[in-house]
C-alpha atoms as a PDB file:
ATOM      1  CA  MET A   1       0.000   0.000   0.000  1.00  0.00           C
ATOM      2  CA  PRO A   2       1.199   3.544  -0.636  1.00  0.00           C
ATOM      3  CA  GLU A   3       2.612   5.324   2.403  1.00  0.00           C
ATOM      4  CA  PHE A   4       2.267   8.957   3.382  1.00  0.00           C
ATOM      5  CA  LEU A   5       3.988  11.068   6.009  1.00  0.00           C
ATOM      6  CA  VAL A   6       1.791  13.759   7.525  1.00  0.00           C
ATOM      7  CA  LEU A   7       3.499  16.559   9.427  1.00  0.00           C
ATOM      8  CA  GLY A   8       1.110  18.344  11.743  1.00  0.00           C
ATOM      9  CA  ASN A   9       0.619  21.273  14.043  1.00  0.00           C
ATOM     10  CA  TRP A  10      -2.262  22.039  16.325  1.00  0.00           C
ATOM     11  CA  THR A  11      -4.319  25.102  15.503  1.00  0.00           C
ATOM     12  CA  GLU A  12      -5.330  27.547  18.224  1.00  0.00           C
ATOM     13  CA  GLN A  13      -8.593  25.616  18.545  1.00  0.00           C
ATOM     14  CA  GLY A  14      -6.692  22.334  18.799  1.00  0.00           C
ATOM     15  CA  LEU A  15      -4.513  23.708  21.586  1.00  0.00           C
ATOM     16  CA  LYS A  16      -7.508  25.042  23.499  1.00  0.00           C
ATOM     17  CA  ASN A  17      -8.950  21.525  23.431  1.00  0.00           C
ATOM     18  CA  VAL A  18      -5.638  19.654  23.690  1.00  0.00           C
ATOM     19  CA  LYS A  19      -6.937  17.348  26.417  1.00  0.00           C
ATOM     20  CA  ASP A  20      -9.382  15.958  23.848  1.00  0.00           C
ATOM     21  CA  ALA A  21      -6.506  15.066  21.481  1.00  0.00           C
ATOM     22  CA  PRO A  22      -6.288  11.376  22.520  1.00  0.00           C
ATOM     23  CA  ASP A  23      -9.983  10.904  21.688  1.00  0.00           C
ATOM     24  CA  ARG A  24      -9.553  12.728  18.376  1.00  0.00           C
ATOM     25  CA  ILE A  25      -6.623  10.468  17.532  1.00  0.00           C
ATOM     26  CA  LYS A  26      -8.713   7.374  18.306  1.00  0.00           C
ATOM     27  CA  GLU A  27     -11.356   8.729  15.946  1.00  0.00           C
ATOM     28  CA  THR A  28      -8.692   9.203  13.275  1.00  0.00           C
ATOM     29  CA  HIS A  29      -7.569   5.593  13.770  1.00  0.00           C
ATOM     30  CA  ARG A  30     -11.160   4.371  13.374  1.00  0.00           C
ATOM     31  CA  THR A  31     -11.714   6.455  10.245  1.00  0.00           C
ATOM     32  CA  THR A  32      -8.431   5.324   8.724  1.00  0.00           C
ATOM     33  CA  GLU A  33      -9.142   1.653   9.431  1.00  0.00           C
ATOM     34  CA  ALA A  34     -12.696   1.936   8.071  1.00  0.00           C
ATOM     35  CA  LEU A  35     -11.160   3.154   4.804  1.00  0.00           C
ATOM     36  CA  GLY A  36      -8.798   0.179   4.690  1.00  0.00           C
ATOM     37  CA  GLY A  37      -5.684   1.904   5.993  1.00  0.00           C
ATOM     38  CA  LYS A  38      -3.397   2.060   8.975  1.00  0.00           C
ATOM     39  CA  MET A  39      -1.989   5.032  10.883  1.00  0.00           C
ATOM     40  CA  THR A  40       0.814   5.440  13.408  1.00  0.00           C
ATOM     41  CA  LEU A  41       1.200   8.731  15.291  1.00  0.00           C
ATOM     42  CA  TYR A  42       4.336  10.155  16.890  1.00  0.00           C
ATOM     43  CA  TYR A  43       4.330  13.273  19.060  1.00  0.00           C
ATOM     44  CA  THR A  44       7.397  15.330  18.205  1.00  0.00           C
ATOM     45  CA  LEU A  45       9.488  18.200  19.524  1.00  0.00           C
ATOM     46  CA  GLY A  46      10.509  20.960  17.177  1.00  0.00           C
ATOM     47  CA  GLU A  47       8.764  22.520  14.191  1.00  0.00           C
ATOM     48  CA  TYR A  48       5.910  20.004  14.164  1.00  0.00           C
ATOM     49  CA  ASP A  49       3.705  18.860  17.033  1.00  0.00           C
ATOM     50  CA  PHE A  50       3.232  15.392  15.576  1.00  0.00           C
ATOM     51  CA  VAL A  51       3.993  13.128  12.633  1.00  0.00           C
ATOM     52  CA  MET A  52       1.598  10.512  11.332  1.00  0.00           C
ATOM     53  CA  VAL A  53       2.587   7.630   9.072  1.00  0.00           C
ATOM     54  CA  PHE A  54      -0.266   6.314   6.949  1.00  0.00           C
ATOM     55  CA  SER A  55      -0.475   3.177   4.828  1.00  0.00           C
ATOM     56  CA  MET A  56      -3.510   3.701   2.614  1.00  0.00           C
ATOM     57  CA  PRO A  57      -5.041   1.858  -0.351  1.00  0.00           C
ATOM     58  CA  ASP A  58      -4.493   4.847  -2.671  1.00  0.00           C
ATOM     59  CA  GLU A  59      -4.143   8.620  -2.901  1.00  0.00           C
ATOM     60  CA  LYS A  60      -7.900   9.238  -3.092  1.00  0.00           C
ATOM     61  CA  THR A  61      -8.408   7.432   0.196  1.00  0.00           C
ATOM     62  CA  MET A  62      -5.621   9.484   1.764  1.00  0.00           C
ATOM     63  CA  ILE A  63      -7.379  12.663   0.649  1.00  0.00           C
ATOM     64  CA  LYS A  64     -10.525  11.461   2.440  1.00  0.00           C
ATOM     65  CA  VAL A  65      -8.596  11.117   5.695  1.00  0.00           C
ATOM     66  CA  LEU A  66      -6.921  14.507   5.252  1.00  0.00           C
ATOM     67  CA  THR A  67     -10.288  16.126   4.567  1.00  0.00           C
ATOM     68  CA  PHE A  68     -11.680  14.464   7.695  1.00  0.00           C
ATOM     69  CA  LEU A  69      -8.759  15.797   9.768  1.00  0.00           C
ATOM     70  CA  GLY A  70      -8.938  19.309   8.320  1.00  0.00           C
ATOM     71  CA  SER A  71     -12.697  19.611   8.740  1.00  0.00           C
ATOM     72  CA  LYS A  72     -12.370  19.355  12.519  1.00  0.00           C
ATOM     73  CA  GLY A  73     -10.324  22.571  12.695  1.00  0.00           C
ATOM     74  CA  ASN A  74      -7.842  21.238  15.252  1.00  0.00           C
ATOM     75  CA  VAL A  75      -4.788  20.634  13.056  1.00  0.00           C
ATOM     76  CA  ARG A  76      -2.932  21.917  10.021  1.00  0.00           C
ATOM     77  CA  THR A  77      -0.995  19.357   8.013  1.00  0.00           C
ATOM     78  CA  LYS A  78       1.604  18.925   5.295  1.00  0.00           C
ATOM     79  CA  THR A  79       1.593  15.607   3.480  1.00  0.00           C
ATOM     80  CA  LEU A  80       4.448  13.780   1.788  1.00  0.00           C
ATOM     81  CA  LYS A  81       4.108  10.701  -0.415  1.00  0.00           C
ATOM     82  CA  ALA A  82       6.710   8.231   0.858  1.00  0.00           C
ATOM     83  CA  TYR A  83       8.557   5.509  -1.013  1.00  0.00           C
ATOM     84  CA  THR A  84      10.465   2.659   0.579  1.00  0.00           C
ATOM     85  CA  GLU A  85      14.196   2.565   0.031  1.00  0.00           C
ATOM     86  CA  GLN A  86      13.765  -0.305  -2.425  1.00  0.00           C
ATOM     87  CA  ASP A  87      10.921   1.380  -4.343  1.00  0.00           C
ATOM     88  CA  GLY A  88      12.975   4.558  -4.602  1.00  0.00           C
ATOM     89  CA  ALA A  89      15.989   2.612  -5.859  1.00  0.00           C
ATOM     90  CA  ASN A  90      13.850   0.882  -8.487  1.00  0.00           C
ATOM     91  CA  ILE A  91      12.462   4.219  -9.693  1.00  0.00           C
ATOM     92  CA  ILE A  92      15.950   5.717  -9.907  1.00  0.00           C
ATOM     93  CA  LYS A  93      17.225   2.720 -11.893  1.00  0.00           C
ATOM     94  CA  GLU A  94      14.423   3.033 -14.478  1.00  0.00           C
END
């Protein structure tokens, strides 16, 4: 499955309701799994508040999850399409 890295920051609204973040993350897990994907979240120090790694069936499904996240108003994200080391090597060799 394609993988995506999502770099995220809480919005002002998200910070005001930060204690609700664990429940929001559980909801994101449920949504992701219902769409046939998997998500792992890491809280981070530095420029981003968190990083999520998604394995999703395709790009359209990833957009559905990103739209779901954005519609809540608690986070702002930047998304990167990720390739494994081997996939990247194969692309470069072509």
